[in-house]
Protein backbone atom coordinates (compact mmCIF):
# COMPACT_ATOMS: atom_id res chain seq x y z
CA MET A 1 11.93 -30.07 -10.63
CA GLU A 2 11.75 -27.54 -13.45
CA SER A 3 12.80 -23.96 -12.75
CA TYR A 4 11.61 -20.99 -14.80
CA GLU A 5 13.05 -17.52 -15.14
CA SER A 6 10.62 -14.66 -15.52
CA LYS A 7 10.69 -12.75 -18.79
CA ARG A 8 11.74 -9.19 -17.99
CA GLY A 9 10.87 -6.23 -20.14
CA TYR A 10 11.64 -2.57 -19.58
CA GLY A 11 9.98 -2.42 -16.16
CA LEU A 12 13.20 -2.28 -14.13
CA VAL A 13 14.45 0.82 -15.94
CA LEU A 14 11.03 2.46 -15.61
CA MET A 15 10.89 1.81 -11.85
CA ILE A 16 14.40 3.19 -11.30
CA LEU A 17 13.54 6.33 -13.26
CA THR A 18 10.28 6.67 -11.32
CA ILE A 19 11.93 6.47 -7.90
CA ALA A 20 14.62 8.91 -9.05
CA LEU A 21 11.90 11.36 -10.12
CA TYR A 22 10.04 10.92 -6.80
CA ASN A 23 13.23 11.63 -4.85
CA ILE A 24 14.08 14.72 -6.90
CA LEU A 25 10.59 16.19 -6.57
CA ILE A 26 10.28 15.51 -2.83
CA LEU A 27 13.77 16.88 -2.12
CA ILE A 28 12.93 20.03 -4.11
CA PHE A 29 9.76 20.51 -2.07
CA LEU A 30 11.74 19.91 1.13
CA LYS A 31 14.27 22.54 0.15
CA PHE A 32 11.67 25.21 -0.45
CA THR A 33 9.11 24.40 2.22
CA ASN A 34 9.12 26.49 5.35
CA SER A 35 6.58 24.49 7.32
CA TYR A 36 7.50 22.04 10.06
CA ILE A 37 4.39 19.92 9.48
CA VAL A 38 4.82 19.77 5.70
CA ALA A 39 8.54 18.99 6.07
CA ASN A 40 7.84 16.05 8.38
CA LEU A 41 5.12 14.68 6.13
CA LEU A 42 7.43 14.99 3.11
CA LYS A 43 10.21 13.14 4.94
CA LEU A 44 7.79 10.36 5.82
CA LEU A 45 6.64 10.25 2.19
CA LEU A 46 10.25 10.11 0.99
CA VAL A 47 11.08 7.13 3.22
CA ALA A 48 7.84 5.31 2.33
CA CYS A 49 8.31 5.82 -1.43
CA ASN A 50 11.89 4.56 -1.35
CA ILE A 51 11.04 1.45 0.66
CA TYR A 52 8.01 0.72 -1.53
CA GLN A 53 9.87 1.14 -4.82
CA ALA A 54 12.97 -0.72 -3.59
CA TYR A 55 10.82 -3.72 -2.66
CA TYR A 56 9.26 -3.92 -6.12
CA ILE A 57 12.59 -3.34 -7.87
CA LEU A 58 14.05 -6.32 -5.99
CA LEU A 59 10.91 -8.34 -6.67
CA PHE A 60 11.00 -7.55 -10.38
CA ALA A 61 14.68 -8.43 -10.71
CA SER A 62 14.47 -11.76 -8.90
CA ILE A 63 11.12 -13.45 -9.66
CA LYS A 64 11.46 -17.12 -10.54
CA GLY A 65 9.14 -20.09 -10.58
CA SER A 66 9.37 -23.85 -10.33
CA ILE A 67 7.11 -26.88 -10.66
CA ASP A 68 7.71 -30.19 -8.91
CA GLU A 69 5.47 -33.19 -8.36
CA GLU A 70 3.43 -31.46 -5.65
CA ASN A 71 3.68 -27.68 -5.91
CA LEU A 72 4.00 -24.71 -8.18
CA LYS A 73 6.31 -22.25 -6.46
CA ILE A 74 6.89 -18.57 -7.09
CA TYR A 75 9.81 -17.03 -5.25
CA ALA A 76 11.88 -13.86 -5.26
CA ILE A 77 14.30 -11.72 -3.23
CA TRP A 78 16.54 -14.67 -2.33
CA SER A 79 13.45 -16.76 -1.49
CA LEU A 80 12.34 -14.28 1.19
CA LYS A 81 9.22 -13.83 -0.93
CA ARG A 82 7.70 -17.23 -1.55
CA VAL A 83 4.31 -18.41 -2.79
CA ILE A 84 3.56 -22.13 -2.78
CA ILE A 85 0.53 -23.37 -4.74
CA PRO A 86 -0.29 -27.10 -4.33
CA LEU A 87 -0.93 -28.60 -7.76
CA ASN A 88 -4.02 -30.41 -6.49
CA GLU A 89 -5.58 -27.01 -5.66
CA ILE A 90 -5.11 -25.59 -9.15
CA GLU A 91 -8.41 -25.65 -11.03
CA GLY A 92 -7.04 -24.49 -14.37
CA TYR A 93 -4.93 -22.02 -16.30
CA PHE A 94 -5.01 -19.91 -19.42
CA MET A 95 -2.66 -17.59 -21.28
CA THR A 96 -3.03 -14.04 -22.57
CA THR A 97 -0.88 -11.47 -24.33
CA GLY A 98 -1.27 -7.72 -24.36
CA LYS A 99 -2.30 -4.89 -22.08
CA ILE A 100 -3.53 -6.01 -18.67
CA LYS A 101 -6.68 -4.19 -17.55
CA GLY A 102 -7.81 -4.07 -13.95
CA VAL A 103 -7.98 -2.20 -10.66
CA LYS A 104 -4.91 -1.95 -8.44
CA LEU A 105 -5.42 -2.75 -4.77
CA ASN A 106 -1.72 -2.62 -4.00
CA GLY A 107 1.41 -2.98 -6.02
CA ILE A 108 2.94 -1.35 -9.06
CA ALA A 109 2.02 -1.48 -12.72
CA ALA A 110 2.63 -0.02 -16.17
CA SER A 111 1.49 -1.08 -19.62
CA GLY A 112 4.17 -3.78 -19.80
CA PHE A 113 4.31 -5.24 -16.28
CA VAL A 114 2.10 -5.75 -13.23
CA MET A 115 3.12 -6.78 -9.70
CA GLY A 116 0.94 -6.87 -6.61
CA ARG A 117 -2.73 -7.51 -5.90
CA PHE A 118 -5.10 -6.48 -8.67
CA VAL A 119 -8.69 -7.08 -9.69
CA ILE A 120 -8.19 -8.12 -13.30
CA ASP A 121 -11.01 -7.69 -15.82
CA LYS A 122 -12.97 -10.94 -16.38
CA ILE A 123 -10.62 -12.80 -14.03
CA GLY A 124 -11.00 -11.25 -10.60
CA MET A 125 -8.69 -10.92 -7.64
CA SER A 126 -5.18 -11.93 -8.66
CA ARG A 127 -1.69 -11.87 -7.24
CA MET A 128 0.40 -10.63 -10.12
CA PHE A 129 4.04 -11.56 -10.71
CA VAL A 130 4.10 -10.37 -14.31
CA THR A 131 7.35 -8.77 -15.47
CA ASP A 132 6.32 -8.74 -19.14
CA ASN A 133 2.81 -8.68 -20.56
CA LYS A 134 3.53 -11.12 -23.38
CA ASN A 135 2.47 -14.74 -22.75
CA VAL A 136 1.09 -14.21 -19.26
CA VAL A 137 -0.08 -17.42 -17.57
CA TYR A 138 -3.02 -17.12 -15.15
CA ILE A 139 -3.39 -19.84 -12.53
CA LYS A 140 -6.79 -20.38 -10.90
CA THR A 141 -7.32 -21.76 -7.39
CA LYS A 142 -10.42 -21.69 -5.21
CA HIS A 143 -9.50 -18.58 -3.24
CA MET A 144 -6.98 -16.72 -5.40
CA ASN A 145 -5.71 -16.33 -8.94
CA TYR A 146 -2.02 -15.97 -9.76
CA ALA A 147 -0.26 -14.65 -12.84
CA VAL A 148 3.31 -15.20 -14.01
CA SER A 149 5.28 -14.47 -17.19
CA PRO A 150 7.83 -17.27 -17.63
CA LEU A 151 10.56 -16.75 -20.21
CA ASN A 152 10.11 -20.31 -21.50
CA TYR A 153 6.33 -20.16 -21.47
CA LYS A 154 5.90 -23.13 -23.82
CA LYS A 155 7.81 -25.45 -21.47
CA PHE A 156 5.90 -24.00 -18.53
CA GLU A 157 2.59 -24.79 -20.24
CA GLU A 158 3.77 -28.30 -21.10
CA ASP A 159 4.62 -28.83 -17.44
CA LEU A 160 1.11 -27.76 -16.41
CA ILE A 161 -0.44 -30.11 -18.97
CA TYR A 162 1.83 -32.93 -17.80
CA HIS A 163 0.40 -32.50 -14.29
CA ASP A 164 -3.19 -32.69 -15.65
CA ILE A 165 -3.98 -29.02 -15.14
CA PRO A 166 -6.59 -28.06 -17.74
CA VAL A 167 -7.04 -24.90 -19.77
CA ALA A 168 -9.94 -22.98 -18.23
CA GLN A 169 -11.92 -19.76 -18.42
CA TRP A 170 -13.60 -18.25 -15.38
CA LYS A 171 -15.50 -15.28 -14.04
CA HIS A 172 -15.04 -13.63 -10.69
CA ASN A 173 -17.65 -12.91 -8.06
CA VAL A 174 -17.43 -9.89 -5.77
CA ASN A 175 -17.72 -10.66 -2.06
CA ASN A 176 -20.30 -8.14 -0.86
CA SER A 177 -20.92 -9.90 2.45
CA TYR A 178 -17.49 -9.44 4.02
CA ASN A 179 -17.77 -7.64 7.38
CA LEU A 180 -14.63 -5.78 8.41
CA HIS A 181 -16.06 -5.13 11.87
CA LYS A 182 -15.47 -8.79 12.70
CA ASP A 183 -11.81 -8.56 11.68
CA LYS A 184 -9.52 -7.70 14.59
CA TYR A 185 -6.73 -6.64 12.23
CA PHE A 186 -9.05 -3.89 11.02
CA ILE A 187 -11.09 -2.99 14.08
CA VAL A 188 -8.13 -2.68 16.50
CA PRO A 189 -6.21 -0.05 14.47
CA LEU A 190 -9.54 1.66 13.72
CA MET A 191 -10.20 2.02 17.45
CA ILE A 192 -6.64 3.20 18.11
CA VAL A 193 -6.72 5.87 15.41
CA SER A 194 -10.16 7.01 16.60
CA ILE A 195 -8.82 7.46 20.14
CA ILE A 196 -5.75 9.33 18.85
CA ILE A 197 -7.93 11.70 16.83
CA LEU A 198 -10.19 12.33 19.82
CA ILE A 199 -7.15 13.19 21.95
CA LEU A 200 -5.75 15.38 19.17
CA THR A 201 -9.06 17.25 18.93
CA LEU A 202 -10.21 17.48 22.54
CA ASN A 203 -6.89 17.88 24.36
CA PRO A 204 -6.28 21.52 23.27
CA LEU A 205 -9.93 22.42 23.95
CA ILE A 206 -9.77 21.02 27.48
CA LEU A 207 -6.44 22.72 28.17
CA HIS A 208 -7.84 26.03 26.90
CA LEU A 209 -10.97 25.76 29.05
CA LYS A 210 -8.75 25.06 32.06
CA ASN A 211 -6.56 28.07 31.19
CA ALA A 212 -3.61 25.67 30.94
CA ILE A 213 -2.39 27.16 27.66
CA PRO A 214 -0.23 30.33 27.75
CA ASP A 215 -1.71 33.55 26.38
CA ILE A 216 0.80 33.55 23.51
CA MET A 217 1.45 30.35 21.57
CA PRO A 218 3.14 29.52 18.25
CA LEU A 219 0.72 28.74 15.43
CA ASN A 220 3.18 27.81 12.72
CA PHE A 221 6.80 26.67 12.52
CA ASP A 222 9.55 26.58 9.96
CA ALA A 223 11.26 23.34 8.96
CA LYS A 224 13.66 23.66 11.94
CA PHE A 225 10.80 23.94 14.46
CA LYS A 226 11.27 27.66 15.02
CA PRO A 227 8.04 29.67 15.46
CA ILE A 228 7.25 31.86 12.46
CA LYS A 229 3.75 32.91 13.50
CA MET A 230 2.46 33.58 17.00
CA GLY A 231 -1.10 33.86 18.23
CA THR A 232 -3.30 33.59 21.28
CA GLY A 233 -3.87 30.42 23.26
CA LYS A 234 -7.39 30.34 21.85
CA GLN A 235 -6.06 30.46 18.28
CA PHE A 236 -3.60 27.67 19.08
CA ALA A 237 -6.41 25.49 20.47
CA PHE A 238 -8.56 26.18 17.40
CA THR A 239 -5.69 25.34 15.02
CA GLN A 240 -4.99 22.04 16.77
CA MET A 241 -8.70 21.17 16.79
CA LEU A 242 -8.78 21.89 13.06
CA TYR A 243 -5.97 19.38 12.57
CA GLY A 244 -8.11 16.89 14.47
CA VAL A 245 -11.09 17.55 12.19
CA LEU A 246 -8.89 17.09 9.11
CA ASN A 247 -7.70 13.76 10.50
CA MET A 248 -11.34 12.76 11.05
CA ALA A 249 -12.02 13.51 7.38
CA LEU A 250 -8.99 11.44 6.36
CA LEU A 251 -10.16 8.55 8.55
CA PHE A 252 -13.63 8.75 7.02
CA CYS A 253 -12.16 8.48 3.50
CA MET A 254 -9.81 5.67 4.47
CA TYR A 255 -12.65 3.79 6.18
CA TYR A 256 -14.72 3.66 3.01
CA ALA A 257 -11.67 2.90 0.86
CA SER A 258 -11.06 -0.10 3.13
CA TYR A 259 -14.61 -1.33 2.61
CA PHE A 260 -14.23 -1.02 -1.14
CA CYS A 261 -11.02 -3.07 -1.13
CA ALA A 262 -12.42 -5.67 1.27
CA LYS A 263 -14.86 -6.77 -1.44
CA TYR A 264 -11.89 -8.05 -3.39
CA ASP A 265 -9.09 -8.64 -0.92
CA ARG A 266 -9.19 -8.41 2.87
CA LYS A 267 -5.48 -7.73 3.41
CA SER A 268 -5.44 -4.83 0.97
CA ALA A 269 -8.10 -3.10 3.07
CA TYR A 270 -5.84 -2.79 6.11
CA LYS A 271 -3.35 -0.35 4.59
CA TYR A 272 -5.83 2.53 4.47
CA ILE A 273 -6.55 2.41 8.19
CA TYR A 274 -2.84 2.09 8.97
CA LEU A 275 -2.16 5.14 6.79
CA SER A 276 -4.69 7.15 8.77
CA LEU A 277 -3.13 5.83 11.99
CA VAL A 278 0.38 6.97 11.01
CA VAL A 279 -0.78 10.45 9.97
CA ALA A 280 -2.85 10.96 13.14
CA LEU A 281 0.07 9.79 15.28
CA ILE A 282 2.40 12.30 13.62
CA PHE A 283 0.00 15.17 14.34
CA LEU A 284 -0.46 14.06 17.95
CA ILE A 285 3.31 13.85 18.52
CA MET A 286 3.75 17.33 17.07
CA GLN A 287 0.98 18.69 19.31
CA PHE A 288 2.62 17.22 22.41
CA LYS A 289 6.02 18.52 21.29
CA ILE A 290 4.62 22.06 20.98
CA LEU A 291 2.90 21.89 24.36
CA ILE A 292 6.01 20.54 26.07
CA ASN A 293 8.31 23.18 24.56
CA PHE A 294 6.11 26.28 24.77
CA ARG A 295 3.85 25.91 27.83
């Protein structure tokens, strides 16, 4: 079995600098913000950015590949990330050098490296494990394309030829018939976030109509959850309903973003609905926290 290191360019340094910049900017905003809602959203963003970047830093630093008599394997992060491509399912390969053009569905990219799921120009949906854009090898299978950048690309190509894998060119077709409403991994979180937004919007209205909200309620908080602006119960209900409407708008945008991504990759479509779910849940928790502490 032949093992191949991935050629690594400057991407690791760029990613480390990027995450450092993200952390500095978010921490500066956190220091100067005086809003409880904004502070919580910034903290969530800080955690998400660090996890996201750390994953791709580890992926970049550890990508390797191997070819045996049955499979082409791509693995990283101490083999926790593993892709196995049976050789008998590979329809062909070809090599390119230079800037990679395409649309990112998820992942991370710069002019010299690309990792994640992308719709590549003239190739289509591809899982990219490219740590350097020189001598990139694209692998075609029936359902997915893959791309790697082996350090010893000549030996890698010889190994493909040895296993009777031909050089090929191909075009991609967009799947316009995919129906997300038949996908439980999409429809279930969509229903949950819709219910959460309805509760977020209608709960303060119902409480106000029942006179279950005090006459004086906090409308805004500082980062330590201390009221900095007070108003009437009616104003509080209106403010919370406005948050519900804003979450509806976010869900609407995420819904159509999901449909756009589903044309190319079903799994990439899920993240938008889950993003809307997390944001709506944060607003609902904050609403309940206010009602519990100030009613």
